[in-house]
Amino acid sequence: MTDRRSRTAAAIAAAVLFAAVGAVLALTTPWNPLEGDVPGGSAPVDPARDFGASEIARSRAFDAALAPRAYTSLVVGLAVVLVLGLTPLGARFVSWATARVRRRTLRVAAAAVALTTVVHLAGLPFGVWGEAILRDYGLSTQTWPEWLLDEAKSLVLTWVIWTIALVLLYWLLRRFPRYWWTGAAAGGFALVVAVSFLYPVVFEPVFNRFHSLPRGELRTSLLAMAERDGVPVKDVLVADASRRTTALNAYVSGFGSTRRIVVYDTLLKSTPRARVETIVAHELGHAKNADVLYGTLIGALGVSGAVCLLHLLLGSPRLLRRAGVRTDTDTDADAATDGGEGASGGGAADPRSVALVLALVTVAMQIGGPVQNLISRRIEARADAHALNLTRDPVTFVSMQHELSVRNISDVDPDIVERVLWMSHPSGPERIAMARDWARLHRVPEPPPLRP
């Protein structure tokens, strides 16, 4: 059982880490991505000004089709992990799944694989539901076997990440029962940074193939723009996204030697060059402001603080008993099943508590999601402002945002719940309104309405 001193230290560490994260976010988030006051006031966010009635109707119909699936999936997913984590069912399932596994480390790994598989399978019907909707609206180009293969790949990656994290966590729990959270907080920080750094070269190739943008006017123009912007970009990669979708997108991932700007091949096949340049200018804004590294470090600090809170929760005998985990040491008979690794022990170090850890982490991620979305929307707006500053072409920017919204069937008028839960980017009309604000601020012709 954790003693009062270690719990107090963990509580103080959690408070300091979360206070630091809050202060950094409050002081560094670009709450107003445009510099200065807009003459005449900000442009109104009005979908009807730039989107036709049929486009708005299609957006609303698509959102209405997706919303029941999204909300049901959220409720069912949380219910599954909470039932597994906060009732004895999860501990019993882990005991059953690891009954033939003797070594403690392998029992933790087996528990991680078994539990994440159950959670993934519980969400699979909702994935099928969502994929069917994407097919109905022409956004998905995958066959069902290809879609299932992607699901299998995603599950394997989930196994790898959770197994590594939990094996290290439970080793620390056994090795340092009072102060395991110090090593776990440092390890969590390092793991988040490592995954973000390796993501472009290890994880992305699992789902897509990439090649350099071929030589030509577009490649020359994009690299020249990056040089003019002072952003070192060795290459611009093209992803074969058309194997899965008709949607348009581009992104920047990694940092340091793994940083890369990627554009979907769907973008190059159907989008005018000026619009592609505007999209890449947006991504250059992310690169110039080191947004991936910034987000990684903030996330890593948040994970470290969460680990300190986890120590407090796992030290609660009442919570452990609710999860079906004994708080006393296991019997000698249990020790005999450990393959010589010592008594299996009770409490948080018991592999049967893996279901509880999974539930607590899932709840923490759900709570942190709205904050991440809020910060992300402001960072995306800053990248939009960067694109406008670099290209000085708000007319093309507005037409590009219109095309992205229509082609991707984005929600042009999201409600507050959807915005809080899922929106990591401003809506198309919000981005168009900001472009008009930029034009007023820089005294260039304001983009006219696009509505047919």
Protein backbone atom coordinates (compact mmCIF):
# COMPACT_ATOMS: atom_id res chain seq x y z
CA MET A 1 0.00 0.00 0.00
CA THR A 2 1.34 3.39 -0.86
CA ASP A 3 2.22 5.52 2.16
CA ARG A 4 1.01 9.02 2.85
CA ARG A 5 4.34 10.62 1.98
CA SER A 6 4.48 9.21 -1.53
CA ARG A 7 0.83 10.09 -2.14
CA THR A 8 1.43 13.66 -1.00
CA ALA A 9 4.47 13.95 -3.23
CA ALA A 10 2.52 12.58 -6.20
CA ALA A 11 -0.33 15.01 -5.58
CA ILE A 12 2.06 17.95 -5.45
CA ALA A 13 3.84 16.79 -8.60
CA ALA A 14 0.52 16.41 -10.44
CA ALA A 15 -0.59 19.89 -9.36
CA VAL A 16 2.71 21.44 -10.48
CA LEU A 17 2.70 19.65 -13.85
CA PHE A 18 -0.91 20.51 -14.66
CA ALA A 19 -0.41 24.09 -13.50
CA ALA A 20 2.63 24.33 -15.79
CA VAL A 21 0.66 22.93 -18.72
CA GLY A 22 -2.20 25.32 -18.05
CA ALA A 23 0.12 28.31 -17.80
CA VAL A 24 1.97 27.41 -21.00
CA LEU A 25 -1.28 26.91 -22.89
CA ALA A 26 -2.76 30.15 -21.60
CA LEU A 27 0.34 32.16 -22.50
CA THR A 28 1.36 30.57 -25.80
CA THR A 29 -1.91 29.61 -27.50
CA PRO A 30 -2.59 32.00 -30.41
CA TRP A 31 -6.00 33.13 -29.19
CA ASN A 32 -6.00 35.88 -31.82
CA PRO A 33 -4.07 34.63 -34.86
CA LEU A 34 -4.40 37.96 -36.69
CA GLU A 35 -2.21 40.82 -35.54
CA GLY A 36 -4.19 43.95 -34.83
CA ASP A 37 -7.84 45.00 -34.85
CA VAL A 38 -9.83 44.39 -38.01
CA PRO A 39 -11.13 47.63 -39.55
CA GLY A 40 -14.90 47.67 -39.43
CA GLY A 41 -15.05 44.63 -37.17
CA SER A 42 -14.77 40.94 -37.92
CA ALA A 43 -16.58 39.44 -40.89
CA PRO A 44 -19.64 37.37 -39.96
CA VAL A 45 -19.41 33.57 -40.01
CA ASP A 46 -22.22 32.85 -42.44
CA PRO A 47 -22.33 29.56 -44.40
CA ALA A 48 -25.09 30.92 -46.64
CA ARG A 49 -22.75 33.62 -47.95
CA ASP A 50 -20.39 31.16 -49.66
CA PHE A 51 -22.16 27.83 -49.82
CA GLY A 52 -25.17 27.04 -51.97
CA ALA A 53 -28.37 25.66 -50.52
CA SER A 54 -27.62 22.20 -51.91
CA GLU A 55 -24.11 22.23 -50.42
CA ILE A 56 -25.41 23.21 -47.00
CA ALA A 57 -28.16 20.60 -47.20
CA ARG A 58 -25.65 17.89 -48.13
CA SER A 59 -23.39 18.90 -45.23
CA ARG A 60 -26.29 18.75 -42.78
CA ALA A 61 -27.53 15.41 -44.15
CA PHE A 62 -24.03 13.93 -43.84
CA ASP A 63 -23.70 15.22 -40.29
CA ALA A 64 -27.15 13.86 -39.41
CA ALA A 65 -26.13 10.46 -40.76
CA LEU A 66 -22.83 10.40 -38.82
CA ALA A 67 -24.03 11.87 -35.50
CA PRO A 68 -26.00 8.83 -34.23
CA ARG A 69 -23.07 6.58 -34.99
CA ALA A 70 -20.58 8.95 -33.32
CA TYR A 71 -22.57 9.45 -30.12
CA THR A 72 -23.52 5.79 -29.79
CA SER A 73 -19.94 4.71 -30.38
CA LEU A 74 -18.74 7.13 -27.70
CA VAL A 75 -21.28 5.92 -25.13
CA VAL A 76 -20.75 2.23 -25.85
CA GLY A 77 -16.96 2.56 -25.89
CA LEU A 78 -16.92 4.31 -22.52
CA ALA A 79 -19.43 1.82 -21.10
CA VAL A 80 -17.28 -1.15 -22.14
CA VAL A 81 -14.06 0.16 -20.59
CA LEU A 82 -15.83 1.34 -17.43
CA VAL A 83 -17.59 -1.99 -16.91
CA LEU A 84 -14.31 -3.82 -17.42
CA GLY A 85 -12.35 -1.41 -15.23
CA LEU A 86 -14.74 -0.56 -12.43
CA THR A 87 -16.32 -3.96 -11.81
CA PRO A 88 -14.78 -7.36 -11.05
CA LEU A 89 -15.62 -8.44 -14.61
CA GLY A 90 -12.39 -7.00 -15.99
CA ALA A 91 -10.23 -8.70 -13.36
CA ARG A 92 -11.99 -12.01 -13.98
CA PHE A 93 -11.50 -11.64 -17.72
CA VAL A 94 -7.79 -10.96 -17.25
CA SER A 95 -7.49 -14.00 -14.96
CA TRP A 96 -9.16 -16.14 -17.62
CA ALA A 97 -7.13 -14.71 -20.51
CA THR A 98 -3.81 -15.15 -18.69
CA ALA A 99 -4.56 -18.42 -16.90
CA ARG A 100 -1.97 -20.37 -18.87
CA VAL A 101 0.67 -17.63 -18.78
CA ARG A 102 3.21 -18.17 -16.02
CA ARG A 103 5.62 -15.26 -16.16
CA ARG A 104 4.40 -11.97 -14.74
CA THR A 105 5.67 -9.81 -17.61
CA LEU A 106 3.93 -12.01 -20.14
CA ARG A 107 0.74 -11.92 -18.07
CA VAL A 108 0.72 -8.13 -18.27
CA ALA A 109 1.36 -8.28 -22.02
CA ALA A 110 -1.39 -10.87 -22.50
CA ALA A 111 -3.80 -8.75 -20.45
CA ALA A 112 -3.00 -5.71 -22.58
CA VAL A 113 -3.61 -7.62 -25.81
CA ALA A 114 -6.80 -9.28 -24.55
CA LEU A 115 -8.40 -6.12 -23.18
CA THR A 116 -7.56 -3.86 -26.14
CA THR A 117 -8.90 -6.55 -28.45
CA VAL A 118 -12.22 -6.62 -26.59
CA VAL A 119 -12.48 -2.82 -26.72
CA HIS A 120 -11.58 -2.79 -30.42
CA LEU A 121 -14.13 -5.49 -31.24
CA ALA A 122 -16.79 -3.59 -29.30
CA GLY A 123 -16.16 -0.60 -31.55
CA LEU A 124 -15.97 -2.59 -34.78
CA PRO A 125 -19.73 -2.46 -35.57
CA PHE A 126 -19.61 1.32 -35.30
CA GLY A 127 -16.61 1.37 -37.62
CA VAL A 128 -18.60 -0.65 -40.14
CA TRP A 129 -21.52 1.74 -39.69
CA GLY A 130 -19.30 4.76 -40.31
CA GLU A 131 -17.61 3.18 -43.32
CA ALA A 132 -20.99 2.41 -44.85
CA ILE A 133 -21.97 6.08 -44.50
CA LEU A 134 -18.72 7.21 -46.13
CA ARG A 135 -19.45 4.85 -49.02
CA ASP A 136 -22.99 6.17 -49.38
CA TYR A 137 -21.64 9.72 -49.73
CA GLY A 138 -18.78 8.74 -52.04
CA LEU A 139 -15.95 9.52 -49.62
CA SER A 140 -14.59 5.98 -49.27
CA THR A 141 -12.93 4.11 -52.13
CA GLN A 142 -11.91 1.03 -50.12
CA THR A 143 -13.20 -2.48 -50.54
CA TRP A 144 -14.38 -4.21 -47.38
CA PRO A 145 -11.33 -6.55 -47.29
CA GLU A 146 -9.06 -3.49 -47.53
CA TRP A 147 -10.98 -1.78 -44.75
CA LEU A 148 -10.73 -4.85 -42.52
CA LEU A 149 -6.99 -5.04 -43.20
CA ASP A 150 -6.62 -1.44 -42.02
CA GLU A 151 -8.60 -2.32 -38.89
CA ALA A 152 -6.27 -5.25 -38.25
CA LYS A 153 -3.21 -3.03 -38.69
CA SER A 154 -4.66 -0.48 -36.28
CA LEU A 155 -5.30 -3.20 -33.71
CA VAL A 156 -1.74 -4.52 -33.98
CA LEU A 157 -0.31 -1.03 -33.45
CA THR A 158 -2.60 -0.66 -30.42
CA TRP A 159 -1.25 -3.93 -29.05
CA VAL A 160 2.34 -2.77 -29.49
CA ILE A 161 1.92 0.63 -27.83
CA TRP A 162 -0.22 -0.58 -24.92
CA THR A 163 1.98 -3.63 -24.30
CA ILE A 164 5.17 -1.57 -24.13
CA ALA A 165 3.57 1.04 -21.87
CA LEU A 166 1.94 -1.46 -19.49
CA VAL A 167 4.90 -3.83 -19.24
CA LEU A 168 7.14 -0.91 -18.23
CA LEU A 169 4.50 0.46 -15.86
CA TYR A 170 3.97 -2.83 -14.03
CA TRP A 171 7.71 -3.46 -13.80
CA LEU A 172 8.00 -0.11 -12.00
CA LEU A 173 5.00 -0.95 -9.81
CA ARG A 174 6.70 -4.12 -8.62
CA ARG A 175 10.22 -2.73 -8.41
CA PHE A 176 9.39 0.58 -6.70
CA PRO A 177 5.98 0.15 -5.02
CA ARG A 178 6.00 3.56 -3.31
CA TYR A 179 7.65 5.80 -5.85
CA TRP A 180 6.98 3.99 -9.14
CA TRP A 181 5.14 7.07 -10.39
CA THR A 182 8.37 9.07 -10.67
CA GLY A 183 9.87 6.65 -13.16
CA ALA A 184 6.51 6.16 -14.88
CA ALA A 185 6.03 9.91 -15.31
CA ALA A 186 9.48 10.22 -16.90
CA GLY A 187 8.86 7.11 -18.99
CA GLY A 188 5.47 8.39 -20.14
CA PHE A 189 7.05 11.66 -21.20
CA ALA A 190 9.76 9.84 -23.15
CA LEU A 191 7.27 7.43 -24.77
CA VAL A 192 5.05 10.27 -26.05
CA VAL A 193 8.06 12.06 -27.54
CA ALA A 194 9.40 8.84 -29.09
CA VAL A 195 6.07 7.91 -30.68
CA SER A 196 5.63 11.41 -32.12
CA PHE A 197 9.18 11.41 -33.50
CA LEU A 198 8.93 7.92 -35.00
CA TYR A 199 5.34 8.22 -36.23
CA PRO A 200 6.22 9.43 -39.76
CA VAL A 201 8.77 6.68 -40.43
CA VAL A 202 7.28 3.77 -38.47
CA PHE A 203 3.50 4.17 -38.25
CA GLU A 204 2.46 6.17 -41.33
CA PRO A 205 4.00 3.69 -43.82
CA VAL A 206 1.80 0.96 -42.33
CA PHE A 207 -1.26 2.62 -43.87
CA ASN A 208 0.06 4.59 -46.84
CA ARG A 209 2.78 4.56 -49.45
CA PHE A 210 4.71 7.77 -50.04
CA HIS A 211 6.76 9.17 -52.87
CA SER A 212 8.44 12.50 -53.52
CA LEU A 213 6.43 15.06 -55.41
CA PRO A 214 7.66 14.68 -59.01
CA ARG A 215 9.88 17.33 -60.53
CA GLY A 216 8.02 20.10 -62.24
CA GLU A 217 6.65 23.59 -61.77
CA LEU A 218 4.61 22.68 -58.69
CA ARG A 219 7.52 21.05 -56.85
CA THR A 220 9.83 23.94 -57.73
CA SER A 221 7.23 26.45 -56.60
CA LEU A 222 6.57 24.71 -53.29
CA LEU A 223 10.24 24.31 -52.38
CA ALA A 224 10.92 27.92 -53.36
CA MET A 225 8.04 29.05 -51.16
CA ALA A 226 9.45 27.05 -48.23
CA GLU A 227 12.89 28.63 -48.76
CA ARG A 228 11.33 32.09 -48.93
CA ASP A 229 9.48 31.30 -45.70
CA GLY A 230 12.69 30.28 -43.98
CA VAL A 231 11.44 26.74 -43.33
CA PRO A 232 13.97 23.98 -44.13
CA VAL A 233 12.05 21.41 -46.17
CA LYS A 234 14.09 18.77 -47.98
CA ASP A 235 11.11 17.17 -49.64
CA VAL A 236 7.36 17.24 -50.15
CA LEU A 237 5.80 13.80 -50.08
CA VAL A 238 2.65 12.53 -51.76
CA ALA A 239 0.50 9.91 -50.00
CA ASP A 240 -1.55 7.41 -51.98
CA ALA A 241 -4.71 8.40 -50.11
CA SER A 242 -6.90 7.75 -53.15
CA ARG A 243 -6.74 4.04 -52.27
CA ARG A 244 -9.04 4.86 -49.37
CA THR A 245 -10.80 8.15 -49.89
CA THR A 246 -11.82 10.93 -52.24
CA ALA A 247 -11.25 13.53 -49.48
CA LEU A 248 -8.61 16.24 -49.81
CA ASN A 249 -5.98 16.79 -47.16
CA ALA A 250 -2.39 17.66 -46.33
CA TYR A 251 -0.48 17.56 -43.07
CA VAL A 252 2.86 17.93 -41.35
CA SER A 253 4.14 15.29 -38.95
CA GLY A 254 7.27 14.49 -36.98
CA PHE A 255 9.94 16.94 -35.91
CA GLY A 256 13.67 17.30 -36.33
CA SER A 257 14.99 14.79 -38.86
CA THR A 258 11.59 13.09 -39.24
CA ARG A 259 9.59 16.23 -40.05
CA ARG A 260 7.73 15.96 -43.34
CA ILE A 261 5.05 17.74 -45.30
CA VAL A 262 2.61 15.35 -46.93
CA VAL A 263 -0.13 16.05 -49.46
CA TYR A 264 -2.82 13.60 -50.55
CA ASP A 265 -2.66 12.47 -54.15
CA THR A 266 -6.35 13.35 -54.38
CA LEU A 267 -5.33 16.95 -53.86
CA LEU A 268 -2.89 16.93 -56.76
CA LYS A 269 -5.29 15.19 -59.12
CA SER A 270 -8.14 17.67 -58.85
CA THR A 271 -6.98 20.93 -57.28
CA PRO A 272 -5.52 23.94 -59.13
CA ARG A 273 -1.88 24.72 -58.45
CA ALA A 274 -2.60 28.01 -56.63
CA ARG A 275 -4.83 26.20 -54.14
CA VAL A 276 -2.23 23.50 -53.55
CA GLU A 277 0.31 26.24 -52.83
CA THR A 278 -2.08 27.79 -50.30
CA ILE A 279 -2.57 24.44 -48.57
CA VAL A 280 1.18 23.80 -48.39
CA ALA A 281 1.69 27.35 -47.09
CA HIS A 282 -0.65 26.41 -44.23
CA GLU A 283 1.48 23.34 -43.49
CA LEU A 284 4.62 25.47 -43.62
CA GLY A 285 3.02 27.54 -40.87
CA HIS A 286 2.86 24.44 -38.68
CA ALA A 287 6.48 23.65 -39.47
CA LYS A 288 7.72 27.19 -38.86
CA ASN A 289 5.99 27.39 -35.49
CA ALA A 290 7.14 23.85 -34.55
CA ASP A 291 3.53 22.95 -33.80
CA VAL A 292 4.15 19.19 -33.79
CA LEU A 293 7.02 19.50 -31.32
CA TYR A 294 5.03 21.97 -29.21
CA GLY A 295 2.02 19.67 -29.10
CA THR A 296 4.21 16.69 -28.33
CA LEU A 297 5.90 18.36 -25.37
CA ILE A 298 2.61 19.68 -23.97
CA GLY A 299 1.07 16.22 -24.37
CA ALA A 300 4.07 14.61 -22.72
CA LEU A 301 3.80 16.94 -19.72
CA GLY A 302 0.09 16.16 -19.49
CA VAL A 303 0.81 12.43 -19.52
CA SER A 304 3.37 12.87 -16.76
CA GLY A 305 0.81 14.70 -14.63
CA ALA A 306 -1.78 12.02 -15.35
CA VAL A 307 0.63 9.32 -14.19
CA CYS A 308 0.97 11.12 -10.86
CA LEU A 309 -2.83 11.12 -10.52
CA LEU A 310 -2.87 7.47 -11.50
CA HIS A 311 -0.65 6.75 -8.50
CA LEU A 312 -3.25 8.31 -6.21
CA LEU A 313 -6.10 6.35 -7.76
CA LEU A 314 -4.31 3.01 -7.80
CA GLY A 315 -3.42 3.54 -4.16
CA SER A 316 -7.10 3.54 -3.22
CA PRO A 317 -8.10 0.18 -1.63
CA ARG A 318 -11.76 0.98 -2.25
CA LEU A 319 -11.23 1.51 -5.97
CA LEU A 320 -9.12 -1.64 -6.27
CA ARG A 321 -11.74 -3.71 -4.50
CA ARG A 322 -14.42 -2.28 -6.78
CA ALA A 323 -12.30 -3.43 -9.73
CA GLY A 324 -12.04 -6.93 -8.27
CA VAL A 325 -8.37 -6.60 -7.34
CA ARG A 326 -7.19 -7.79 -3.93
CA THR A 327 -5.24 -5.36 -1.83
CA ASP A 328 -3.36 -7.99 0.16
CA THR A 329 -0.50 -10.17 -1.09
CA ASP A 330 -1.34 -13.27 -3.05
CA THR A 331 -1.07 -16.74 -1.60
CA ASP A 332 1.92 -18.98 -1.97
CA ALA A 333 -0.05 -20.95 -4.52
CA ASP A 334 -0.27 -17.84 -6.70
CA ALA A 335 3.43 -17.30 -6.34
CA ALA A 336 4.05 -20.76 -7.73
CA THR A 337 2.47 -19.69 -11.01
CA ASP A 338 4.90 -16.82 -11.49
CA GLY A 339 7.66 -18.99 -12.90
CA GLY A 340 10.15 -17.98 -10.27
CA GLU A 341 9.53 -14.23 -10.49
CA GLY A 342 8.32 -14.01 -6.95
CA ALA A 343 4.92 -13.64 -5.41
CA SER A 344 2.41 -12.11 -7.75
CA GLY A 345 1.20 -9.78 -5.04
CA GLY A 346 -2.04 -7.91 -4.72
CA GLY A 347 -2.96 -4.28 -5.16
CA ALA A 348 -2.01 -2.13 -8.11
CA ALA A 349 0.89 -4.41 -9.08
CA ASP A 350 -1.50 -7.29 -9.73
CA PRO A 351 -1.86 -7.80 -13.52
CA ARG A 352 -5.61 -8.06 -12.95
CA SER A 353 -5.62 -4.29 -12.39
CA VAL A 354 -4.77 -3.71 -16.07
CA ALA A 355 -8.50 -3.32 -16.83
CA LEU A 356 -8.73 -0.56 -14.21
CA VAL A 357 -5.70 1.23 -15.67
CA LEU A 358 -7.21 1.02 -19.16
CA ALA A 359 -10.48 2.53 -17.90
CA LEU A 360 -8.75 5.37 -16.03
CA VAL A 361 -6.58 6.25 -19.03
CA THR A 362 -9.58 6.20 -21.37
CA VAL A 363 -11.55 8.53 -19.11
CA ALA A 364 -8.56 10.87 -18.82
CA MET A 365 -8.21 11.00 -22.60
CA GLN A 366 -11.90 11.77 -22.99
CA ILE A 367 -11.69 14.58 -20.44
CA GLY A 368 -8.60 16.04 -22.10
CA GLY A 369 -10.04 15.82 -25.62
CA PRO A 370 -12.09 19.06 -25.55
CA VAL A 371 -9.07 21.01 -24.30
CA GLN A 372 -6.91 19.56 -27.04
CA ASN A 373 -9.54 20.45 -29.64
CA LEU A 374 -9.79 24.02 -28.39
CA ILE A 375 -6.04 24.55 -28.57
CA SER A 376 -5.81 22.78 -31.92
CA ARG A 377 -8.44 25.05 -33.49
CA ARG A 378 -6.44 28.13 -32.50
CA ILE A 379 -3.19 26.63 -33.79
CA GLU A 380 -4.87 25.75 -37.09
CA ALA A 381 -6.15 29.32 -37.33
CA ARG A 382 -2.59 30.60 -36.84
CA ALA A 383 -1.42 28.32 -39.66
CA ASP A 384 -4.19 29.78 -41.83
CA ALA A 385 -2.95 33.28 -41.03
CA HIS A 386 0.56 32.17 -41.91
CA ALA A 387 -0.65 30.90 -45.28
CA LEU A 388 -2.32 34.23 -45.97
CA ASN A 389 0.79 36.16 -44.94
CA LEU A 390 2.96 34.00 -47.18
CA THR A 391 0.77 33.90 -50.29
CA ARG A 392 -1.03 37.22 -49.81
CA ASP A 393 -3.89 35.73 -51.79
CA PRO A 394 -7.10 35.64 -49.72
CA VAL A 395 -9.22 35.01 -52.82
CA THR A 396 -7.49 31.70 -53.52
CA PHE A 397 -7.55 30.86 -49.82
CA VAL A 398 -11.33 31.32 -49.68
CA SER A 399 -11.91 29.25 -52.80
CA MET A 400 -9.64 26.54 -51.41
CA GLN A 401 -11.54 26.40 -48.11
CA HIS A 402 -14.80 26.19 -50.02
CA GLU A 403 -13.48 23.30 -52.10
CA LEU A 404 -12.15 21.46 -49.04
CA SER A 405 -15.46 21.83 -47.22
CA VAL A 406 -17.52 20.66 -50.19
CA ARG A 407 -15.27 17.78 -51.22
CA ASN A 408 -14.82 16.50 -47.67
CA ILE A 409 -18.49 17.22 -46.82
CA SER A 410 -17.35 19.09 -43.72
CA ASP A 411 -19.88 20.37 -41.23
CA VAL A 412 -20.32 24.03 -42.15
CA ASP A 413 -22.48 24.79 -39.10
CA PRO A 414 -21.44 22.51 -36.21
CA ASP A 415 -23.33 22.60 -32.94
CA ILE A 416 -21.56 23.28 -29.65
CA VAL A 417 -21.39 19.63 -28.58
CA GLU A 418 -19.77 18.51 -31.83
CA ARG A 419 -17.35 21.42 -31.65
CA VAL A 420 -16.29 20.51 -28.12
CA LEU A 421 -16.03 16.76 -28.63
CA TRP A 422 -14.56 16.38 -32.11
CA MET A 423 -13.61 19.56 -33.94
CA SER A 424 -9.82 20.00 -34.08
CA HIS A 425 -10.07 22.56 -36.94
CA PRO A 426 -12.20 25.67 -37.43
CA SER A 427 -15.17 25.16 -39.71
CA GLY A 428 -14.91 26.20 -43.35
CA PRO A 429 -17.07 29.32 -42.89
CA GLU A 430 -14.93 30.36 -39.87
CA ARG A 431 -11.76 30.06 -41.93
CA ILE A 432 -13.30 32.00 -44.80
CA ALA A 433 -14.41 34.76 -42.43
CA MET A 434 -10.88 35.01 -41.05
CA ALA A 435 -9.51 35.37 -44.58
CA ARG A 436 -11.83 38.32 -45.11
CA ASP A 437 -10.64 39.79 -41.80
CA TRP A 438 -7.04 39.36 -43.00
CA ALA A 439 -7.87 41.17 -46.24
CA ARG A 440 -9.38 44.10 -44.35
CA LEU A 441 -6.45 44.22 -41.96
CA HIS A 442 -3.93 44.28 -44.83
CA ARG A 443 -6.00 46.58 -47.04
CA VAL A 444 -6.27 44.21 -49.98
CA PRO A 445 -9.49 43.44 -51.90
CA GLU A 446 -11.86 41.38 -49.79
CA PRO A 447 -12.88 38.04 -51.35
CA PRO A 448 -16.43 38.31 -52.71
CA PRO A 449 -19.17 35.88 -51.71
CA LEU A 450 -18.90 32.49 -53.43
CA ARG A 451 -22.51 31.43 -53.24
CA PRO A 452 -23.80 30.51 -56.69
